Amino acid sequence: MAANAAGTLVVVLLVAVVNYDIIARGLFNRPFLGAVEVVQFSMVLIVFLQLPDVIRVGRLTRSDGFLGLLAVRAPRKGRLLSRAIDLSSAIFMALVVYAMWPEFLEMWASQDYFGVPGVFTAPWWPVKLVILLSAGLCVVHFLLHVARPLIDDQPELESGS
């Protein structure tokens, strides 16, 4: 939830930057140099800061028409398929963590930056760190989704089997 709150703060800061740029450009003919870079940086932060909480509360967008139909007709099979989807999602996010770790270390060591030198620059490592930590939290949430039904599962008769 803290990452989600941080993502919301980034949205508020992004709105402030865009409004400042519009006002400064329109009234004073002095645009905020680096507004494009800040927007690009912010978009990645917003998505990855809010993703773990979206997964935690089960609001991740997905096409689950078949899953919903299966859950009605064969609840046990529906839960099993849902667990399999969550497990594959956890594996995918673990691969993101695995891929992002060396990138983060490289950006940390090199202090590489993005932007236009002399106009606006920012280091890459904070973005890589947010992606790394967010993907790690996503792995945890997906694994909890996989484990939770195992704990709550009670034997029951499946309809339609």
C-alpha atoms as a PDB file:
ATOM      1  CA  MET A   1       0.000   0.000   0.000  1.00  0.00           C
ATOM      2  CA  ALA A   2       2.954   2.302   0.661  1.00  0.00           C
ATOM      3  CA  ALA A   3       4.168   1.853  -2.911  1.00  0.00           C
ATOM      4  CA  ASN A   4       0.676   2.687  -4.158  1.00  0.00           C
ATOM      5  CA  ALA A   5       0.662   5.845  -2.044  1.00  0.00           C
ATOM      6  CA  ALA A   6       4.084   6.784  -3.431  1.00  0.00           C
ATOM      7  CA  GLY A   7       2.736   6.225  -6.943  1.00  0.00           C
ATOM      8  CA  THR A   8      -0.173   8.525  -6.164  1.00  0.00           C
ATOM      9  CA  LEU A   9       2.277  11.198  -4.964  1.00  0.00           C
ATOM     10  CA  VAL A  10       4.162  10.838  -8.255  1.00  0.00           C
ATOM     11  CA  VAL A  11       0.859  11.447 -10.090  1.00  0.00           C
ATOM     12  CA  VAL A  12       0.292  14.623  -8.060  1.00  0.00           C
ATOM     13  CA  LEU A  13       3.853  15.796  -8.749  1.00  0.00           C
ATOM     14  CA  LEU A  14       3.411  15.029 -12.435  1.00  0.00           C
ATOM     15  CA  VAL A  15       0.241  17.118 -12.548  1.00  0.00           C
ATOM     16  CA  ALA A  16       2.136  19.968 -10.855  1.00  0.00           C
ATOM     17  CA  VAL A  17       5.021  19.730 -13.354  1.00  0.00           C
ATOM     18  CA  VAL A  18       2.684  19.708 -16.363  1.00  0.00           C
ATOM     19  CA  ASN A  19       0.661  22.637 -15.006  1.00  0.00           C
ATOM     20  CA  TYR A  20       3.834  24.581 -14.236  1.00  0.00           C
ATOM     21  CA  ASP A  21       5.098  23.922 -17.766  1.00  0.00           C
ATOM     22  CA  ILE A  22       1.810  25.080 -19.319  1.00  0.00           C
ATOM     23  CA  ILE A  23       1.641  28.248 -17.224  1.00  0.00           C
ATOM     24  CA  ALA A  24       5.334  29.092 -17.618  1.00  0.00           C
ATOM     25  CA  ARG A  25       5.164  28.456 -21.363  1.00  0.00           C
ATOM     26  CA  GLY A  26       1.950  30.414 -21.896  1.00  0.00           C
ATOM     27  CA  LEU A  27       2.442  33.399 -19.601  1.00  0.00           C
ATOM     28  CA  PHE A  28       6.214  33.856 -19.477  1.00  0.00           C
ATOM     29  CA  ASN A  29       7.397  32.078 -22.638  1.00  0.00           C
ATOM     30  CA  ARG A  30       9.753  30.069 -20.354  1.00  0.00           C
ATOM     31  CA  PRO A  31       8.801  26.380 -20.540  1.00  0.00           C
ATOM     32  CA  PHE A  32      10.064  23.901 -18.010  1.00  0.00           C
ATOM     33  CA  LEU A  33      13.095  22.397 -19.681  1.00  0.00           C
ATOM     34  CA  GLY A  34      12.959  18.694 -19.041  1.00  0.00           C
ATOM     35  CA  ALA A  35       9.195  18.351 -18.802  1.00  0.00           C
ATOM     36  CA  VAL A  36       9.259  15.534 -21.364  1.00  0.00           C
ATOM     37  CA  GLU A  37      11.932  13.652 -19.419  1.00  0.00           C
ATOM     38  CA  VAL A  38      10.064  14.084 -16.135  1.00  0.00           C
ATOM     39  CA  VAL A  39       6.865  12.757 -17.726  1.00  0.00           C
ATOM     40  CA  GLN A  40       8.691   9.717 -19.145  1.00  0.00           C
ATOM     41  CA  PHE A  41      10.382   9.023 -15.806  1.00  0.00           C
ATOM     42  CA  SER A  42       7.112   9.489 -13.914  1.00  0.00           C
ATOM     43  CA  MET A  43       5.059   7.159 -16.099  1.00  0.00           C
ATOM     44  CA  VAL A  44       7.337   4.218 -15.332  1.00  0.00           C
ATOM     45  CA  LEU A  45       7.334   5.074 -11.634  1.00  0.00           C
ATOM     46  CA  ILE A  46       3.537   5.375 -11.500  1.00  0.00           C
ATOM     47  CA  VAL A  47       2.920   2.025 -13.179  1.00  0.00           C
ATOM     48  CA  PHE A  48       5.462   0.062 -11.181  1.00  0.00           C
ATOM     49  CA  LEU A  49       4.723   1.713  -7.835  1.00  0.00           C
ATOM     50  CA  GLN A  50       1.012   0.968  -8.092  1.00  0.00           C
ATOM     51  CA  LEU A  51       1.218  -2.505  -9.660  1.00  0.00           C
ATOM     52  CA  PRO A  52       1.829  -4.534  -6.449  1.00  0.00           C
ATOM     53  CA  ASP A  53      -1.210  -3.055  -4.706  1.00  0.00           C
ATOM     54  CA  VAL A  54      -3.377  -3.638  -7.769  1.00  0.00           C
ATOM     55  CA  ILE A  55      -2.362  -7.302  -7.649  1.00  0.00           C
ATOM     56  CA  ARG A  56      -2.836  -7.451  -3.871  1.00  0.00           C
ATOM     57  CA  VAL A  57      -6.465  -6.365  -4.085  1.00  0.00           C
ATOM     58  CA  GLY A  58      -7.190  -8.472  -7.173  1.00  0.00           C
ATOM     59  CA  ARG A  59      -7.860  -5.568  -9.545  1.00  0.00           C
ATOM     60  CA  LEU A  60      -5.331  -6.445 -12.244  1.00  0.00           C
ATOM     61  CA  THR A  61      -6.981  -6.150 -15.635  1.00  0.00           C
ATOM     62  CA  ARG A  62      -7.346  -9.478 -17.372  1.00  0.00           C
ATOM     63  CA  SER A  63      -9.793 -11.229 -19.614  1.00  0.00           C
ATOM     64  CA  ASP A  64     -11.408 -13.738 -17.317  1.00  0.00           C
ATOM     65  CA  GLY A  65     -14.640 -14.612 -19.105  1.00  0.00           C
ATOM     66  CA  PHE A  66     -13.640 -18.256 -19.479  1.00  0.00           C
ATOM     67  CA  LEU A  67     -12.308 -18.374 -15.934  1.00  0.00           C
ATOM     68  CA  GLY A  68     -15.581 -16.961 -14.587  1.00  0.00           C
ATOM     69  CA  LEU A  69     -17.626 -19.459 -16.570  1.00  0.00           C
ATOM     70  CA  LEU A  70     -15.405 -22.313 -15.406  1.00  0.00           C
ATOM     71  CA  ALA A  71     -15.689 -21.140 -11.784  1.00  0.00           C
ATOM     72  CA  VAL A  72     -19.480 -21.384 -12.001  1.00  0.00           C
ATOM     73  CA  ARG A  73     -19.592 -24.770 -13.720  1.00  0.00           C
ATOM     74  CA  ALA A  74     -16.608 -26.405 -11.997  1.00  0.00           C
ATOM     75  CA  PRO A  75     -15.461 -24.322  -9.025  1.00  0.00           C
ATOM     76  CA  ARG A  76     -12.517 -26.562  -8.112  1.00  0.00           C
ATOM     77  CA  LYS A  77     -11.177 -26.508 -11.688  1.00  0.00           C
ATOM     78  CA  GLY A  78     -11.707 -22.741 -11.798  1.00  0.00           C
ATOM     79  CA  ARG A  79      -9.677 -22.260  -8.627  1.00  0.00           C
ATOM     80  CA  LEU A  80      -6.972 -24.563  -9.983  1.00  0.00           C
ATOM     81  CA  LEU A  81      -6.742 -22.614 -13.244  1.00  0.00           C
ATOM     82  CA  SER A  82      -6.705 -19.332 -11.315  1.00  0.00           C
ATOM     83  CA  ARG A  83      -3.816 -20.635  -9.197  1.00  0.00           C
ATOM     84  CA  ALA A  84      -1.972 -21.729 -12.343  1.00  0.00           C
ATOM     85  CA  ILE A  85      -2.392 -18.240 -13.836  1.00  0.00           C
ATOM     86  CA  ASP A  86      -1.158 -16.626 -10.626  1.00  0.00           C
ATOM     87  CA  LEU A  87       1.804 -19.007 -10.492  1.00  0.00           C
ATOM     88  CA  SER A  88       2.773 -18.268 -14.093  1.00  0.00           C
ATOM     89  CA  SER A  89       2.435 -14.551 -13.328  1.00  0.00           C
ATOM     90  CA  ALA A  90       4.740 -14.974 -10.320  1.00  0.00           C
ATOM     91  CA  ILE A  91       7.271 -16.753 -12.524  1.00  0.00           C
ATOM     92  CA  PHE A  92       7.092 -13.970 -15.113  1.00  0.00           C
ATOM     93  CA  MET A  93       7.615 -11.271 -12.479  1.00  0.00           C
ATOM     94  CA  ALA A  94      10.500 -13.283 -11.003  1.00  0.00           C
ATOM     95  CA  LEU A  95      12.076 -13.222 -14.469  1.00  0.00           C
ATOM     96  CA  VAL A  96      11.668  -9.434 -14.483  1.00  0.00           C
ATOM     97  CA  VAL A  97      13.474  -9.296 -11.121  1.00  0.00           C
ATOM     98  CA  TYR A  98      16.195 -11.583 -12.470  1.00  0.00           C
ATOM     99  CA  ALA A  99      16.646  -9.415 -15.583  1.00  0.00           C
ATOM    100  CA  MET A 100      16.479  -6.104 -13.721  1.00  0.00           C
ATOM    101  CA  TRP A 101      19.053  -6.907 -10.998  1.00  0.00           C
ATOM    102  CA  PRO A 102      22.146  -6.670 -13.253  1.00  0.00           C
ATOM    103  CA  GLU A 103      20.721  -3.578 -14.971  1.00  0.00           C
ATOM    104  CA  PHE A 104      20.223  -1.892 -11.610  1.00  0.00           C
ATOM    105  CA  LEU A 105      23.761  -2.761 -10.514  1.00  0.00           C
ATOM    106  CA  GLU A 106      25.179  -1.445 -13.790  1.00  0.00           C
ATOM    107  CA  MET A 107      23.254   1.837 -13.553  1.00  0.00           C
ATOM    108  CA  TRP A 108      24.229   2.219  -9.893  1.00  0.00           C
ATOM    109  CA  ALA A 109      27.915   1.724 -10.670  1.00  0.00           C
ATOM    110  CA  SER A 110      28.036   3.784 -13.872  1.00  0.00           C
ATOM    111  CA  GLN A 111      25.717   6.573 -12.683  1.00  0.00           C
ATOM    112  CA  ASP A 112      24.336   6.601 -16.232  1.00  0.00           C
ATOM    113  CA  TYR A 113      21.616   9.173 -16.832  1.00  0.00           C
ATOM    114  CA  PHE A 114      18.878  10.034 -19.275  1.00  0.00           C
ATOM    115  CA  GLY A 115      17.867  13.415 -20.626  1.00  0.00           C
ATOM    116  CA  VAL A 116      19.694  16.178 -22.424  1.00  0.00           C
ATOM    117  CA  PRO A 117      22.997  17.246 -20.834  1.00  0.00           C
ATOM    118  CA  GLY A 118      22.904  20.910 -19.909  1.00  0.00           C
ATOM    119  CA  VAL A 119      19.108  20.968 -20.021  1.00  0.00           C
ATOM    120  CA  PHE A 120      17.819  18.197 -17.769  1.00  0.00           C
ATOM    121  CA  THR A 121      19.334  14.899 -16.659  1.00  0.00           C
ATOM    122  CA  ALA A 122      18.402  12.285 -14.076  1.00  0.00           C
ATOM    123  CA  PRO A 123      20.059   9.001 -13.121  1.00  0.00           C
ATOM    124  CA  TRP A 124      18.604   5.730 -14.398  1.00  0.00           C
ATOM    125  CA  TRP A 125      19.187   3.747 -11.210  1.00  0.00           C
ATOM    126  CA  PRO A 126      16.075   4.964  -9.312  1.00  0.00           C
ATOM    127  CA  VAL A 127      13.841   3.753 -12.146  1.00  0.00           C
ATOM    128  CA  LYS A 128      15.607   0.392 -12.249  1.00  0.00           C
ATOM    129  CA  LEU A 129      15.336   0.086  -8.459  1.00  0.00           C
ATOM    130  CA  VAL A 130      11.596   0.806  -8.483  1.00  0.00           C
ATOM    131  CA  ILE A 131      11.039  -1.777 -11.235  1.00  0.00           C
ATOM    132  CA  LEU A 132      13.156  -4.318  -9.335  1.00  0.00           C
ATOM    133  CA  LEU A 133      11.415  -3.831  -5.988  1.00  0.00           C
ATOM    134  CA  SER A 134       7.958  -3.604  -7.525  1.00  0.00           C
ATOM    135  CA  ALA A 135       8.433  -6.806  -9.489  1.00  0.00           C
ATOM    136  CA  GLY A 136       9.639  -8.474  -6.284  1.00  0.00           C
ATOM    137  CA  LEU A 137       6.505  -7.360  -4.439  1.00  0.00           C
ATOM    138  CA  CYS A 138       4.406  -8.637  -7.350  1.00  0.00           C
ATOM    139  CA  VAL A 139       6.052 -12.059  -7.021  1.00  0.00           C
ATOM    140  CA  VAL A 140       5.146 -12.132  -3.330  1.00  0.00           C
ATOM    141  CA  HIS A 141       1.529 -11.121  -3.986  1.00  0.00           C
ATOM    142  CA  PHE A 142       1.064 -13.641  -6.783  1.00  0.00           C
ATOM    143  CA  LEU A 143       2.522 -16.411  -4.607  1.00  0.00           C
ATOM    144  CA  LEU A 144       0.188 -15.399  -1.779  1.00  0.00           C
ATOM    145  CA  HIS A 145      -2.723 -15.636  -4.230  1.00  0.00           C
ATOM    146  CA  VAL A 146      -1.539 -19.130  -5.141  1.00  0.00           C
ATOM    147  CA  ALA A 147      -1.194 -20.193  -1.485  1.00  0.00           C
ATOM    148  CA  ARG A 148      -4.355 -18.568  -0.105  1.00  0.00           C
ATOM    149  CA  PRO A 149      -6.828 -20.847  -1.875  1.00  0.00           C
ATOM    150  CA  LEU A 150      -4.833 -23.884  -0.728  1.00  0.00           C
ATOM    151  CA  ILE A 151      -5.369 -22.789   2.859  1.00  0.00           C
ATOM    152  CA  ASP A 152      -9.037 -21.869   2.374  1.00  0.00           C
ATOM    153  CA  ASP A 153      -9.870 -24.847   0.117  1.00  0.00           C
ATOM    154  CA  GLN A 154     -12.424 -27.229   1.504  1.00  0.00           C
ATOM    155  CA  PRO A 155     -13.422 -30.449  -0.203  1.00  0.00           C
ATOM    156  CA  GLU A 156     -16.614 -29.985  -2.128  1.00  0.00           C
ATOM    157  CA  LEU A 157     -18.461 -31.577  -4.964  1.00  0.00           C
ATOM    158  CA  GLU A 158     -17.920 -30.001  -8.350  1.00  0.00           C
ATOM    159  CA  SER A 159     -20.978 -29.205 -10.383  1.00  0.00           C
ATOM    160  CA  GLY A 160     -20.881 -30.270 -14.014  1.00  0.00           C
ATOM    161  CA  SER A 161     -18.182 -32.943 -13.548  1.00  0.00           C
END
